[in-house]
Amino acid sequence: QKTSGGALGMPTQITFEENDTIELIGETEGKAAGEGSKPNAPYFSK
């Protein structure tokens, strides 16, 4: 969602439609997943 300078592509953006019956708590957190993924890589590859 937040990329450092020099990234080739655009950051991933997750947006939620407003809803009076559901409250969003905090920010959306993202992390690498998948076997062999690199946690500190500048992008998600797996």
PDB file of all heavy atoms in Angstrom:
ATOM      1  N   GLN A   1       0.817  -1.211   0.000  1.00  0.00           N
ATOM      2  CA  GLN A   1       0.000   0.000   0.000  1.00  0.00           C
ATOM      3  C   GLN A   1       0.849   1.260   0.000  1.00  0.00           C
ATOM      4  O   GLN A   1       0.437   2.273  -0.526  1.00  0.00           O
ATOM      5  CB  GLN A   1      -0.942  -0.017   1.200  1.00  0.00           C
ATOM      6  CG  GLN A   1      -1.966  -1.122   1.092  1.00  0.00           C
ATOM      7  CD  GLN A   1      -2.703  -1.319   2.377  1.00  0.00           C
ATOM      8  OE1 GLN A   1      -2.132  -1.685   3.395  1.00  0.00           O
ATOM      9  NE2 GLN A   1      -3.992  -1.076   2.336  1.00  0.00           N
ATOM     10  N   LYS A   2       1.996   1.182   0.609  1.00  0.00           N
ATOM     11  CA  LYS A   2       2.912   2.323   0.611  1.00  0.00           C
ATOM     12  C   LYS A   2       4.219   1.819   0.036  1.00  0.00           C
ATOM     13  O   LYS A   2       4.784   0.848   0.534  1.00  0.00           O
ATOM     14  CB  LYS A   2       3.115   2.854   2.026  1.00  0.00           C
ATOM     15  CG  LYS A   2       1.837   3.414   2.609  1.00  0.00           C
ATOM     16  CD  LYS A   2       2.026   3.877   4.034  1.00  0.00           C
ATOM     17  CE  LYS A   2       0.736   4.478   4.514  1.00  0.00           C
ATOM     18  NZ  LYS A   2       0.193   3.877   5.670  1.00  0.00           N
ATOM     19  N   THR A   3       4.698   2.447  -1.014  1.00  0.00           N
ATOM     20  CA  THR A   3       5.939   1.995  -1.635  1.00  0.00           C
ATOM     21  C   THR A   3       6.999   3.076  -1.510  1.00  0.00           C
ATOM     22  O   THR A   3       6.694   4.266  -1.436  1.00  0.00           O
ATOM     23  CB  THR A   3       5.745   1.679  -3.131  1.00  0.00           C
ATOM     24  OG1 THR A   3       5.319   2.854  -3.803  1.00  0.00           O
ATOM     25  CG2 THR A   3       4.730   0.576  -3.332  1.00  0.00           C
ATOM     26  N   SER A   4       8.227   2.621  -1.506  1.00  0.00           N
ATOM     27  CA  SER A   4       9.323   3.583  -1.481  1.00  0.00           C
ATOM     28  C   SER A   4       9.545   4.110  -2.884  1.00  0.00           C
ATOM     29  O   SER A   4       9.085   3.524  -3.861  1.00  0.00           O
ATOM     30  CB  SER A   4      10.587   2.909  -0.946  1.00  0.00           C
ATOM     31  OG  SER A   4      10.916   1.803  -1.751  1.00  0.00           O
ATOM     32  N   GLY A   5      10.254   5.198  -3.014  1.00  0.00           N
ATOM     33  CA  GLY A   5      10.509   5.800  -4.321  1.00  0.00           C
ATOM     34  C   GLY A   5      11.181   4.824  -5.263  1.00  0.00           C
ATOM     35  O   GLY A   5      11.883   3.917  -4.845  1.00  0.00           O
ATOM     36  N   GLY A   6      10.929   4.968  -6.535  1.00  0.00           N
ATOM     37  CA  GLY A   6      11.563   4.130  -7.534  1.00  0.00           C
ATOM     38  C   GLY A   6      10.778   2.884  -7.903  1.00  0.00           C
ATOM     39  O   GLY A   6      11.223   2.100  -8.717  1.00  0.00           O
ATOM     40  N   ALA A   7       9.606   2.664  -7.300  1.00  0.00           N
ATOM     41  CA  ALA A   7       8.805   1.494  -7.642  1.00  0.00           C
ATOM     42  C   ALA A   7       8.246   1.661  -9.050  1.00  0.00           C
ATOM     43  O   ALA A   7       7.817   2.746  -9.441  1.00  0.00           O
ATOM     44  CB  ALA A   7       7.669   1.317  -6.643  1.00  0.00           C
ATOM     45  N   LEU A   8       8.255   0.575  -9.809  1.00  0.00           N
ATOM     46  CA  LEU A   8       7.780   0.608 -11.189  1.00  0.00           C
ATOM     47  C   LEU A   8       6.261   0.744 -11.254  1.00  0.00           C
ATOM     48  O   LEU A   8       5.724   1.475 -12.071  1.00  0.00           O
ATOM     49  CB  LEU A   8       8.233  -0.670 -11.909  1.00  0.00           C
ATOM     50  CG  LEU A   8       7.886  -0.813 -13.380  1.00  0.00           C
ATOM     51  CD1 LEU A   8       8.543   0.298 -14.199  1.00  0.00           C
ATOM     52  CD2 LEU A   8       8.342  -2.174 -13.890  1.00  0.00           C
ATOM     53  N   GLY A   9       5.548   0.023 -10.397  1.00  0.00           N
ATOM     54  CA  GLY A   9       4.086   0.019 -10.431  1.00  0.00           C
ATOM     55  C   GLY A   9       3.479   0.846  -9.327  1.00  0.00           C
ATOM     56  O   GLY A   9       4.150   1.335  -8.437  1.00  0.00           O
ATOM     57  N   MET A  10       2.157   0.980  -9.395  1.00  0.00           N
ATOM     58  CA  MET A  10       1.434   1.750  -8.389  1.00  0.00           C
ATOM     59  C   MET A  10       1.218   0.910  -7.128  1.00  0.00           C
ATOM     60  O   MET A  10       1.160  -0.313  -7.201  1.00  0.00           O
ATOM     61  CB  MET A  10       0.094   2.204  -8.948  1.00  0.00           C
ATOM     62  CG  MET A  10      -0.848   1.065  -9.276  1.00  0.00           C
ATOM     63  SD  MET A  10      -2.456   1.625  -9.808  1.00  0.00           S
ATOM     64  CE  MET A  10      -3.360   1.393  -8.290  1.00  0.00           C
ATOM     65  N   PRO A  11       1.113   1.558  -5.974  1.00  0.00           N
ATOM     66  CA  PRO A  11       0.849   0.810  -4.741  1.00  0.00           C
ATOM     67  C   PRO A  11      -0.554   0.202  -4.770  1.00  0.00           C
ATOM     68  O   PRO A  11      -1.456   0.709  -5.442  1.00  0.00           O
ATOM     69  CB  PRO A  11       0.955   1.864  -3.643  1.00  0.00           C
ATOM     70  CG  PRO A  11       1.131   3.168  -4.297  1.00  0.00           C
ATOM     71  CD  PRO A  11       1.272   2.969  -5.765  1.00  0.00           C
ATOM     72  N   THR A  12      -0.733  -0.880  -4.043  1.00  0.00           N
ATOM     73  CA  THR A  12      -2.051  -1.499  -3.906  1.00  0.00           C
ATOM     74  C   THR A  12      -2.925  -0.566  -3.070  1.00  0.00           C
ATOM     75  O   THR A  12      -2.481  -0.032  -2.057  1.00  0.00           O
ATOM     76  CB  THR A  12      -1.917  -2.872  -3.219  1.00  0.00           C
ATOM     77  OG1 THR A  12      -1.083  -3.701  -4.039  1.00  0.00           O
ATOM     78  CG2 THR A  12      -3.268  -3.531  -3.034  1.00  0.00           C
ATOM     79  N   GLN A  13      -4.157  -0.358  -3.518  1.00  0.00           N
ATOM     80  CA  GLN A  13      -5.088   0.523  -2.815  1.00  0.00           C
ATOM     81  C   GLN A  13      -6.344  -0.260  -2.469  1.00  0.00           C
ATOM     82  O   GLN A  13      -6.973  -0.840  -3.349  1.00  0.00           O
ATOM     83  CB  GLN A  13      -5.467   1.717  -3.692  1.00  0.00           C
ATOM     84  CG  GLN A  13      -4.288   2.546  -4.128  1.00  0.00           C
ATOM     85  CD  GLN A  13      -4.649   3.520  -5.240  1.00  0.00           C
ATOM     86  OE1 GLN A  13      -5.688   3.418  -5.876  1.00  0.00           O
ATOM     87  NE2 GLN A  13      -3.758   4.463  -5.480  1.00  0.00           N
ATOM     88  N   ILE A  14      -6.701  -0.281  -1.197  1.00  0.00           N
ATOM     89  CA  ILE A  14      -7.934  -0.928  -0.755  1.00  0.00           C
ATOM     90  C   ILE A  14      -8.827   0.159  -0.189  1.00  0.00           C
ATOM     91  O   ILE A  14      -8.434   0.869   0.739  1.00  0.00           O
ATOM     92  CB  ILE A  14      -7.651  -2.014   0.295  1.00  0.00           C
ATOM     93  CG1 ILE A  14      -6.728  -3.079  -0.313  1.00  0.00           C
ATOM     94  CG2 ILE A  14      -8.954  -2.639   0.787  1.00  0.00           C
ATOM     95  CD1 ILE A  14      -6.278  -4.140   0.652  1.00  0.00           C
ATOM     96  N   THR A  15     -10.004   0.314  -0.784  1.00  0.00           N
ATOM     97  CA  THR A  15     -10.938   1.348  -0.337  1.00  0.00           C
ATOM     98  C   THR A  15     -12.269   0.701   0.038  1.00  0.00           C
ATOM     99  O   THR A  15     -12.730  -0.224  -0.635  1.00  0.00           O
ATOM    100  CB  THR A  15     -11.162   2.427  -1.411  1.00  0.00           C
ATOM    101  OG1 THR A  15     -11.577   1.814  -2.622  1.00  0.00           O
ATOM    102  CG2 THR A  15      -9.886   3.211  -1.668  1.00  0.00           C
ATOM    103  N   PHE A  16     -12.859   1.215   1.105  1.00  0.00           N
ATOM    104  CA  PHE A  16     -14.113   0.691   1.617  1.00  0.00           C
ATOM    105  C   PHE A  16     -15.214   1.723   1.413  1.00  0.00           C
ATOM    106  O   PHE A  16     -15.019   2.908   1.674  1.00  0.00           O
ATOM    107  CB  PHE A  16     -13.984   0.362   3.109  1.00  0.00           C
ATOM    108  CG  PHE A  16     -12.997  -0.736   3.374  1.00  0.00           C
ATOM    109  CD1 PHE A  16     -11.662  -0.445   3.614  1.00  0.00           C
ATOM    110  CD2 PHE A  16     -13.403  -2.044   3.367  1.00  0.00           C
ATOM    111  CE1 PHE A  16     -10.749  -1.451   3.853  1.00  0.00           C
ATOM    112  CE2 PHE A  16     -12.487  -3.074   3.599  1.00  0.00           C
ATOM    113  CZ  PHE A  16     -11.166  -2.775   3.840  1.00  0.00           C
ATOM    114  N   GLU A  17     -16.373   1.243   0.957  1.00  0.00           N
ATOM    115  CA  GLU A  17     -17.534   2.104   0.807  1.00  0.00           C
ATOM    116  C   GLU A  17     -18.040   2.458   2.205  1.00  0.00           C
ATOM    117  O   GLU A  17     -17.982   1.628   3.116  1.00  0.00           O
ATOM    118  CB  GLU A  17     -18.620   1.317   0.056  1.00  0.00           C
ATOM    119  CG  GLU A  17     -19.457   2.145  -0.869  1.00  0.00           C
ATOM    120  CD  GLU A  17     -20.363   1.247  -1.699  1.00  0.00           C
ATOM    121  OE1 GLU A  17     -21.405   0.792  -1.166  1.00  0.00           O
ATOM    122  OE2 GLU A  17     -20.025   1.014  -2.859  1.00  0.00           O
ATOM    123  N   GLU A  18     -18.537   3.656   2.364  1.00  0.00           N
ATOM    124  CA  GLU A  18     -19.063   4.054   3.674  1.00  0.00           C
ATOM    125  C   GLU A  18     -20.254   3.178   4.036  1.00  0.00           C
ATOM    126  O   GLU A  18     -21.053   2.812   3.183  1.00  0.00           O
ATOM    127  CB  GLU A  18     -19.485   5.526   3.659  1.00  0.00           C
ATOM    128  CG  GLU A  18     -18.309   6.454   3.793  1.00  0.00           C
ATOM    129  CD  GLU A  18     -18.726   7.863   4.159  1.00  0.00           C
ATOM    130  OE1 GLU A  18     -19.637   8.031   5.001  1.00  0.00           O
ATOM    131  OE2 GLU A  18     -18.134   8.779   3.596  1.00  0.00           O
ATOM    132  N   ASN A  19     -20.335   2.839   5.336  1.00  0.00           N
ATOM    133  CA  ASN A  19     -21.411   1.995   5.818  1.00  0.00           C
ATOM    134  C   ASN A  19     -21.684   2.373   7.271  1.00  0.00           C
ATOM    135  O   ASN A  19     -20.792   2.262   8.116  1.00  0.00           O
ATOM    136  CB  ASN A  19     -21.004   0.517   5.704  1.00  0.00           C
ATOM    137  CG  ASN A  19     -22.117  -0.416   6.073  1.00  0.00           C
ATOM    138  OD1 ASN A  19     -22.803  -0.229   7.067  1.00  0.00           O
ATOM    139  ND2 ASN A  19     -22.292  -1.441   5.271  1.00  0.00           N
ATOM    140  N   ASP A  20     -22.918   2.788   7.551  1.00  0.00           N
ATOM    141  CA  ASP A  20     -23.273   3.229   8.902  1.00  0.00           C
ATOM    142  C   ASP A  20     -23.362   2.088   9.907  1.00  0.00           C
ATOM    143  O   ASP A  20     -23.384   2.322  11.107  1.00  0.00           O
ATOM    144  CB  ASP A  20     -24.618   3.968   8.884  1.00  0.00           C
ATOM    145  CG  ASP A  20     -24.529   5.291   8.143  1.00  0.00           C
ATOM    146  OD1 ASP A  20     -23.408   5.844   8.055  1.00  0.00           O
ATOM    147  OD2 ASP A  20     -25.567   5.765   7.645  1.00  0.00           O
ATOM    148  N   THR A  21     -23.418   0.851   9.431  1.00  0.00           N
ATOM    149  CA  THR A  21     -23.586  -0.284  10.340  1.00  0.00           C
ATOM    150  C   THR A  21     -22.280  -1.015  10.646  1.00  0.00           C
ATOM    151  O   THR A  21     -22.258  -1.907  11.478  1.00  0.00           O
ATOM    152  CB  THR A  21     -24.594  -1.300   9.754  1.00  0.00           C
ATOM    153  OG1 THR A  21     -24.072  -1.825   8.534  1.00  0.00           O
ATOM    154  CG2 THR A  21     -25.939  -0.642   9.493  1.00  0.00           C
ATOM    155  N   ILE A  22     -21.203  -0.629   9.948  1.00  0.00           N
ATOM    156  CA  ILE A  22     -19.910  -1.281  10.157  1.00  0.00           C
ATOM    157  C   ILE A  22     -18.845  -0.211  10.358  1.00  0.00           C
ATOM    158  O   ILE A  22     -18.725   0.717   9.569  1.00  0.00           O
ATOM    159  CB  ILE A  22     -19.533  -2.178   8.958  1.00  0.00           C
ATOM    160  CG1 ILE A  22     -20.575  -3.291   8.788  1.00  0.00           C
ATOM    161  CG2 ILE A  22     -18.137  -2.765   9.131  1.00  0.00           C
ATOM    162  CD1 ILE A  22     -20.397  -4.129   7.549  1.00  0.00           C
ATOM    163  N   GLU A  23     -18.070  -0.367  11.428  1.00  0.00           N
ATOM    164  CA  GLU A  23     -16.998   0.575  11.723  1.00  0.00           C
ATOM    165  C   GLU A  23     -15.647  -0.047  11.356  1.00  0.00           C
ATOM    166  O   GLU A  23     -15.371  -1.190  11.729  1.00  0.00           O
ATOM    167  CB  GLU A  23     -17.014   0.902  13.215  1.00  0.00           C
ATOM    168  CG  GLU A  23     -15.898   1.798  13.677  1.00  0.00           C
ATOM    169  CD  GLU A  23     -15.891   1.987  15.189  1.00  0.00           C
ATOM    170  OE1 GLU A  23     -16.846   1.577  15.875  1.00  0.00           O
ATOM    171  OE2 GLU A  23     -14.888   2.543  15.695  1.00  0.00           O
ATOM    172  N   LEU A  24     -14.837   0.694  10.616  1.00  0.00           N
ATOM    173  CA  LEU A  24     -13.473   0.260  10.329  1.00  0.00           C
ATOM    174  C   LEU A  24     -12.604   0.656  11.515  1.00  0.00           C
ATOM    175  O   LEU A  24     -12.641   1.797  11.961  1.00  0.00           O
ATOM    176  CB  LEU A  24     -12.939   0.925   9.065  1.00  0.00           C
ATOM    177  CG  LEU A  24     -13.727   0.685   7.773  1.00  0.00           C
ATOM    178  CD1 LEU A  24     -13.107   1.473   6.632  1.00  0.00           C
ATOM    179  CD2 LEU A  24     -13.773  -0.783   7.435  1.00  0.00           C
ATOM    180  N   ILE A  25     -11.825  -0.272  12.029  1.00  0.00           N
ATOM    181  CA  ILE A  25     -10.967   0.002  13.176  1.00  0.00           C
ATOM    182  C   ILE A  25      -9.523  -0.004  12.701  1.00  0.00           C
ATOM    183  O   ILE A  25      -9.007  -1.024  12.240  1.00  0.00           O
ATOM    184  CB  ILE A  25     -11.166  -1.057  14.279  1.00  0.00           C
ATOM    185  CG1 ILE A  25     -12.632  -1.081  14.728  1.00  0.00           C
ATOM    186  CG2 ILE A  25     -10.229  -0.808  15.450  1.00  0.00           C
ATOM    187  CD1 ILE A  25     -12.976  -2.212  15.674  1.00  0.00           C
ATOM    188  N   GLY A  26      -8.867   1.135  12.797  1.00  0.00           N
ATOM    189  CA  GLY A  26      -7.466   1.243  12.399  1.00  0.00           C
ATOM    190  C   GLY A  26      -7.284   1.214  10.889  1.00  0.00           C
ATOM    191  O   GLY A  26      -8.236   1.283  10.120  1.00  0.00           O
ATOM    192  N   GLU A  27      -6.023   1.101  10.489  1.00  0.00           N
ATOM    193  CA  GLU A  27      -5.639   1.069   9.078  1.00  0.00           C
ATOM    194  C   GLU A  27      -5.605  -0.369   8.565  1.00  0.00           C
ATOM    195  O   GLU A  27      -5.444  -1.300   9.346  1.00  0.00           O
ATOM    196  CB  GLU A  27      -4.241   1.680   8.903  1.00  0.00           C
ATOM    197  CG  GLU A  27      -4.143   3.131   9.309  1.00  0.00           C
ATOM    198  CD  GLU A  27      -4.805   4.062   8.321  1.00  0.00           C
ATOM    199  OE1 GLU A  27      -4.676   3.820   7.105  1.00  0.00           O
ATOM    200  OE2 GLU A  27      -5.458   5.023   8.765  1.00  0.00           O
ATOM    201  N   THR A  28      -5.722  -0.531   7.271  1.00  0.00           N
ATOM    202  CA  THR A  28      -5.538  -1.843   6.657  1.00  0.00           C
ATOM    203  C   THR A  28      -4.049  -2.166   6.675  1.00  0.00           C
ATOM    204  O   THR A  28      -3.231  -1.365   6.230  1.00  0.00           O
ATOM    205  CB  THR A  28      -6.056  -1.843   5.204  1.00  0.00           C
ATOM    206  OG1 THR A  28      -7.413  -1.394   5.188  1.00  0.00           O
ATOM    207  CG2 THR A  28      -5.972  -3.233   4.594  1.00  0.00           C
ATOM    208  N   GLU A  29      -3.708  -3.320   7.206  1.00  0.00           N
ATOM    209  CA  GLU A  29      -2.304  -3.732   7.283  1.00  0.00           C
ATOM    210  C   GLU A  29      -2.024  -4.790   6.227  1.00  0.00           C
ATOM    211  O   GLU A  29      -2.837  -5.680   6.004  1.00  0.00           O
ATOM    212  CB  GLU A  29      -2.002  -4.301   8.673  1.00  0.00           C
ATOM    213  CG  GLU A  29      -2.167  -3.273   9.781  1.00  0.00           C
ATOM    214  CD  GLU A  29      -1.892  -3.856  11.153  1.00  0.00           C
ATOM    215  OE1 GLU A  29      -1.229  -4.905  11.239  1.00  0.00           O
ATOM    216  OE2 GLU A  29      -2.343  -3.249  12.126  1.00  0.00           O
ATOM    217  N   GLY A  30      -0.876  -4.680   5.571  1.00  0.00           N
ATOM    218  CA  GLY A  30      -0.499  -5.643   4.550  1.00  0.00           C
ATOM    219  C   GLY A  30       0.852  -6.255   4.831  1.00  0.00           C
ATOM    220  O   GLY A  30       1.736  -5.606   5.396  1.00  0.00           O
ATOM    221  N   LYS A  31       1.000  -7.536   4.459  1.00  0.00           N
ATOM    222  CA  LYS A  31       2.288  -8.207   4.623  1.00  0.00           C
ATOM    223  C   LYS A  31       2.442  -9.270   3.544  1.00  0.00           C
ATOM    224  O   LYS A  31       1.462  -9.738   2.958  1.00  0.00           O
ATOM    225  CB  LYS A  31       2.416  -8.826   6.010  1.00  0.00           C
ATOM    226  CG  LYS A  31       1.407  -9.925   6.295  1.00  0.00           C
ATOM    227  CD  LYS A  31       1.577 -10.470   7.684  1.00  0.00           C
ATOM    228  CE  LYS A  31       0.542 -11.568   7.934  1.00  0.00           C
ATOM    229  NZ  LYS A  31       0.678 -12.159   9.242  1.00  0.00           N
ATOM    230  N   ALA A  32       3.697  -9.636   3.297  1.00  0.00           N
ATOM    231  CA  ALA A  32       3.996 -10.682   2.324  1.00  0.00           C
ATOM    232  C   ALA A  32       3.488 -12.020   2.847  1.00  0.00           C
ATOM    233  O   ALA A  32       3.458 -12.258   4.049  1.00  0.00           O
ATOM    234  CB  ALA A  32       5.491 -10.743   2.062  1.00  0.00           C
ATOM    235  N   ALA A  33       3.081 -12.891   1.930  1.00  0.00           N
ATOM    236  CA  ALA A  33       2.608 -14.222   2.285  1.00  0.00           C
ATOM    237  C   ALA A  33       3.094 -15.208   1.233  1.00  0.00           C
ATOM    238  O   ALA A  33       3.546 -14.811   0.163  1.00  0.00           O
ATOM    239  CB  ALA A  33       1.087 -14.232   2.368  1.00  0.00           C
ATOM    240  N   GLY A  34       2.966 -16.460   1.540  1.00  0.00           N
ATOM    241  CA  GLY A  34       3.370 -17.492   0.592  1.00  0.00           C
ATOM    242  C   GLY A  34       4.737 -18.041   0.918  1.00  0.00           C
ATOM    243  O   GLY A  34       5.599 -17.340   1.440  1.00  0.00           O
ATOM    244  N   GLU A  35       4.909 -19.307   0.602  1.00  0.00           N
ATOM    245  CA  GLU A  35       6.171 -19.987   0.892  1.00  0.00           C
ATOM    246  C   GLU A  35       7.322 -19.331   0.145  1.00  0.00           C
ATOM    247  O   GLU A  35       7.250 -19.097  -1.050  1.00  0.00           O
ATOM    248  CB  GLU A  35       6.060 -21.457   0.483  1.00  0.00           C
ATOM    249  CG  GLU A  35       7.207 -22.302   0.951  1.00  0.00           C
ATOM    250  CD  GLU A  35       6.993 -23.765   0.628  1.00  0.00           C
ATOM    251  OE1 GLU A  35       5.856 -24.246   0.808  1.00  0.00           O
ATOM    252  OE2 GLU A  35       7.957 -24.398   0.202  1.00  0.00           O
ATOM    253  N   GLY A  36       8.357 -18.997   0.869  1.00  0.00           N
ATOM    254  CA  GLY A  36       9.541 -18.399   0.259  1.00  0.00           C
ATOM    255  C   GLY A  36       9.445 -16.905   0.034  1.00  0.00           C
ATOM    256  O   GLY A  36      10.316 -16.315  -0.587  1.00  0.00           O
ATOM    257  N   SER A  37       8.383 -16.253   0.541  1.00  0.00           N
ATOM    258  CA  SER A  37       8.289 -14.798   0.345  1.00  0.00           C
ATOM    259  C   SER A  37       9.291 -14.091   1.247  1.00  0.00           C
ATOM    260  O   SER A  37       9.662 -14.584   2.301  1.00  0.00           O
ATOM    261  CB  SER A  37       6.877 -14.273   0.593  1.00  0.00           C
ATOM    262  OG  SER A  37       6.288 -14.834   1.703  1.00  0.00           O
ATOM    263  N   LYS A  38       9.722 -12.952   0.772  1.00  0.00           N
ATOM    264  CA  LYS A  38      10.730 -12.168   1.500  1.00  0.00           C
ATOM    265  C   LYS A  38      10.015 -11.043   2.249  1.00  0.00           C
ATOM    266  O   LYS A  38       9.442 -10.159   1.634  1.00  0.00           O
ATOM    267  CB  LYS A  38      11.742 -11.597   0.514  1.00  0.00           C
ATOM    268  CG  LYS A  38      12.471 -12.672  -0.256  1.00  0.00           C
ATOM    269  CD  LYS A  38      13.346 -12.071  -1.339  1.00  0.00           C
ATOM    270  CE  LYS A  38      13.936 -13.177  -2.189  1.00  0.00           C
ATOM    271  NZ  LYS A  38      14.587 -12.673  -3.378  1.00  0.00           N
ATOM    272  N   PRO A  39      10.057 -11.064   3.591  1.00  0.00           N
ATOM    273  CA  PRO A  39       9.294 -10.089   4.364  1.00  0.00           C
ATOM    274  C   PRO A  39       9.706  -8.634   4.145  1.00  0.00           C
ATOM    275  O   PRO A  39       8.893  -7.742   4.267  1.00  0.00           O
ATOM    276  CB  PRO A  39       9.516 -10.511   5.818  1.00  0.00           C
ATOM    277  CG  PRO A  39      10.617 -11.496   5.808  1.00  0.00           C
ATOM    278  CD  PRO A  39      10.776 -12.006   4.412  1.00  0.00           C
ATOM    279  N   ASN A  40      10.953  -8.352   3.823  1.00  0.00           N
ATOM    280  CA  ASN A  40      11.403  -6.967   3.660  1.00  0.00           C
ATOM    281  C   ASN A  40      11.573  -6.557   2.198  1.00  0.00           C
ATOM    282  O   ASN A  40      12.172  -5.528   1.915  1.00  0.00           O
ATOM    283  CB  ASN A  40      12.715  -6.746   4.422  1.00  0.00           C
ATOM    284  CG  ASN A  40      12.509  -6.913   5.911  1.00  0.00           C
ATOM    285  OD1 ASN A  40      11.470  -6.559   6.444  1.00  0.00           O
ATOM    286  ND2 ASN A  40      13.484  -7.482   6.586  1.00  0.00           N
ATOM    287  N   ALA A  41      11.076  -7.358   1.264  1.00  0.00           N
ATOM    288  CA  ALA A  41      11.191  -7.031  -0.161  1.00  0.00           C
ATOM    289  C   ALA A  41      10.337  -5.801  -0.474  1.00  0.00           C
ATOM    290  O   ALA A  41       9.349  -5.525   0.215  1.00  0.00           O
ATOM    291  CB  ALA A  41      10.737  -8.212  -1.008  1.00  0.00           C
ATOM    292  N   PRO A  42      10.688  -5.031  -1.516  1.00  0.00           N
ATOM    293  CA  PRO A  42       9.914  -3.832  -1.859  1.00  0.00           C
ATOM    294  C   PRO A  42       8.567  -4.146  -2.529  1.00  0.00           C
ATOM    295  O   PRO A  42       7.795  -3.253  -2.806  1.00  0.00           O
ATOM    296  CB  PRO A  42      10.834  -3.086  -2.827  1.00  0.00           C
ATOM    297  CG  PRO A  42      11.719  -4.142  -3.407  1.00  0.00           C
ATOM    298  CD  PRO A  42      11.880  -5.188  -2.342  1.00  0.00           C
ATOM    299  N   TYR A  43       8.312  -5.428  -2.789  1.00  0.00           N
ATOM    300  CA  TYR A  43       7.042  -5.831  -3.396  1.00  0.00           C
ATOM    301  C   TYR A  43       6.683  -7.229  -2.919  1.00  0.00           C
ATOM    302  O   TYR A  43       7.487  -7.927  -2.325  1.00  0.00           O
ATOM    303  CB  TYR A  43       7.106  -5.782  -4.918  1.00  0.00           C
ATOM    304  CG  TYR A  43       8.296  -6.502  -5.524  1.00  0.00           C
ATOM    305  CD1 TYR A  43       8.329  -7.885  -5.611  1.00  0.00           C
ATOM    306  CD2 TYR A  43       9.380  -5.783  -6.016  1.00  0.00           C
ATOM    307  CE1 TYR A  43       9.417  -8.537  -6.168  1.00  0.00           C
ATOM    308  CE2 TYR A  43      10.466  -6.427  -6.574  1.00  0.00           C
ATOM    309  CZ  TYR A  43      10.471  -7.817  -6.646  1.00  0.00           C
ATOM    310  OH  TYR A  43      11.552  -8.459  -7.204  1.00  0.00           O
ATOM    311  N   PHE A  44       5.433  -7.633  -3.176  1.00  0.00           N
ATOM    312  CA  PHE A  44       4.951  -8.958  -2.812  1.00  0.00           C
ATOM    313  C   PHE A  44       5.031  -9.849  -4.048  1.00  0.00           C
ATOM    314  O   PHE A  44       4.387  -9.562  -5.058  1.00  0.00           O
ATOM    315  CB  PHE A  44       3.506  -8.900  -2.322  1.00  0.00           C
ATOM    316  CG  PHE A  44       3.284  -7.977  -1.155  1.00  0.00           C
ATOM    317  CD1 PHE A  44       2.206  -7.107  -1.146  1.00  0.00           C
ATOM    318  CD2 PHE A  44       4.131  -7.976  -0.063  1.00  0.00           C
ATOM    319  CE1 PHE A  44       1.973  -6.265  -0.072  1.00  0.00           C
ATOM    320  CE2 PHE A  44       3.919  -7.131   1.022  1.00  0.00           C
ATOM    321  CZ  PHE A  44       2.833  -6.282   1.009  1.00  0.00           C
ATOM    322  N   SER A  45       5.817 -10.935  -3.972  1.00  0.00           N
ATOM    323  CA  SER A  45       6.024 -11.750  -5.162  1.00  0.00           C
ATOM    324  C   SER A  45       5.364 -13.122  -5.114  1.00  0.00           C
ATOM    325  O   SER A  45       5.145 -13.722  -6.146  1.00  0.00           O
ATOM    326  CB  SER A  45       7.520 -11.918  -5.429  1.00  0.00           C
ATOM    327  OG  SER A  45       8.129 -12.556  -4.331  1.00  0.00           O
ATOM    328  N   LYS A  46       5.040 -13.635  -3.978  1.00  0.00           N
ATOM    329  CA  LYS A  46       4.376 -14.942  -3.874  1.00  0.00           C
ATOM    330  C   LYS A  46       2.900 -14.757  -3.548  1.00  0.00           C
ATOM    331  O   LYS A  46       2.040 -15.424  -4.082  1.00  0.00           O
ATOM    332  CB  LYS A  46       5.018 -15.801  -2.790  1.00  0.00           C
ATOM    333  CG  LYS A  46       6.499 -15.999  -2.934  1.00  0.00           C
ATOM    334  CD  LYS A  46       6.808 -16.999  -3.993  1.00  0.00           C
ATOM    335  CE  LYS A  46       8.322 -17.228  -4.030  1.00  0.00           C
ATOM    336  NZ  LYS A  46       8.748 -17.939  -5.178  1.00  0.00           N
TER     337      LYS A  46
END
